[in-house]
Amino acid sequence: MPMKNPERAIATLVGEFHALYITVQVFAKTHENPNLAFSELTTAEQLGLAAIEPHPIPDATIVGYQDVIAGIRGALAANPLYSRT
């Protein structure tokens, strides 16, 4: 059902995104093979950027995208099984 209040719709979207982001953080910090996940994240990041860059989007969208990827990378690096070698 569409929301009639745009501010409420945006607030709902922000809440949903935050919940999804936190869930990804948990999976990253507990992934059984964080090195593989790190590699897959890098590939997904490049594919994702390639998909959105041709479109006219605000620079803030790219910055937000990169911030989220950096946060997930940080969660993977915090995984005790992550090997920096």
Protein backbone atom coordinates (compact mmCIF):
# COMPACT_ATOMS: atom_id res chain seq x y z
CA MET A 1 0.00 0.00 0.00
CA PRO A 2 1.56 3.33 -1.02
CA MET A 3 2.22 5.86 1.69
CA LYS A 4 0.58 9.24 1.26
CA ASN A 5 3.08 11.05 3.46
CA PRO A 6 6.46 11.33 1.68
CA GLU A 7 8.34 12.15 4.89
CA ARG A 8 6.98 9.02 6.55
CA ALA A 9 7.86 6.96 3.48
CA ILE A 10 11.45 8.23 3.58
CA ALA A 11 11.69 7.61 7.33
CA THR A 12 10.37 4.07 6.81
CA LEU A 13 12.91 3.45 4.05
CA VAL A 14 15.75 4.73 6.26
CA GLY A 15 14.64 2.40 9.06
CA GLU A 16 14.43 -0.57 6.70
CA PHE A 17 17.86 0.20 5.26
CA HIS A 18 19.39 0.51 8.72
CA ALA A 19 17.95 -2.86 9.79
CA LEU A 20 19.31 -4.50 6.64
CA TYR A 21 22.72 -2.87 7.13
CA ILE A 22 22.96 -4.08 10.73
CA THR A 23 21.99 -7.59 9.61
CA VAL A 24 24.76 -7.58 7.00
CA GLN A 25 27.21 -6.38 9.66
CA VAL A 26 26.31 -9.34 11.87
CA PHE A 27 26.78 -11.82 9.02
CA ALA A 28 30.10 -10.22 8.06
CA LYS A 29 31.44 -10.40 11.61
CA THR A 30 30.47 -14.07 11.93
CA HIS A 31 31.06 -15.34 8.38
CA GLU A 32 32.93 -18.65 8.35
CA ASN A 33 35.23 -17.50 5.52
CA PRO A 34 35.63 -13.71 5.78
CA ASN A 35 38.49 -13.66 3.26
CA LEU A 36 36.24 -15.13 0.56
CA ALA A 37 33.43 -12.77 1.56
CA PHE A 38 35.85 -9.83 1.35
CA SER A 39 36.81 -10.88 -2.18
CA GLU A 40 33.17 -11.32 -3.21
CA LEU A 41 32.29 -7.93 -1.71
CA THR A 42 34.99 -6.27 -3.81
CA THR A 43 33.59 -7.87 -6.96
CA ALA A 44 30.03 -6.91 -6.03
CA GLU A 45 31.15 -3.34 -5.28
CA GLN A 46 32.71 -2.97 -8.73
CA LEU A 47 29.68 -4.44 -10.48
CA GLY A 48 27.33 -2.27 -8.44
CA LEU A 49 29.24 0.92 -9.21
CA ALA A 50 29.39 0.02 -12.90
CA ALA A 51 25.62 -0.43 -12.89
CA ILE A 52 24.77 2.91 -11.29
CA GLU A 53 27.47 5.22 -12.66
CA PRO A 54 25.97 5.63 -16.17
CA HIS A 55 22.78 7.03 -14.64
CA PRO A 56 22.29 10.64 -13.57
CA ILE A 57 22.43 10.27 -9.81
CA PRO A 58 23.60 12.68 -7.13
CA ASP A 59 27.20 12.42 -5.94
CA ALA A 60 25.80 11.79 -2.46
CA THR A 61 24.42 8.48 -3.74
CA ILE A 62 27.93 7.30 -4.69
CA VAL A 63 29.32 8.54 -1.37
CA GLY A 64 26.58 6.68 0.52
CA TYR A 65 27.24 3.53 -1.50
CA GLN A 66 30.95 3.71 -0.75
CA ASP A 67 30.27 4.37 2.96
CA VAL A 68 28.13 1.23 3.21
CA ILE A 69 30.74 -0.90 1.43
CA ALA A 70 33.44 0.50 3.76
CA GLY A 71 31.31 -0.38 6.77
CA ILE A 72 30.85 -3.95 5.57
CA ARG A 73 34.58 -4.22 4.88
CA GLY A 74 35.23 -3.05 8.43
CA ALA A 75 32.87 -5.71 9.79
CA LEU A 76 34.64 -8.40 7.75
CA ALA A 77 38.01 -7.18 9.02
CA ALA A 78 36.67 -7.40 12.59
CA ASN A 79 35.81 -11.06 12.06
CA PRO A 80 38.26 -13.10 14.18
CA LEU A 81 38.75 -15.52 11.28
CA TYR A 82 39.84 -12.76 8.88
CA SER A 83 43.46 -13.17 7.76
CA ARG A 84 45.30 -10.02 6.76
CA THR A 85 47.97 -11.97 4.89
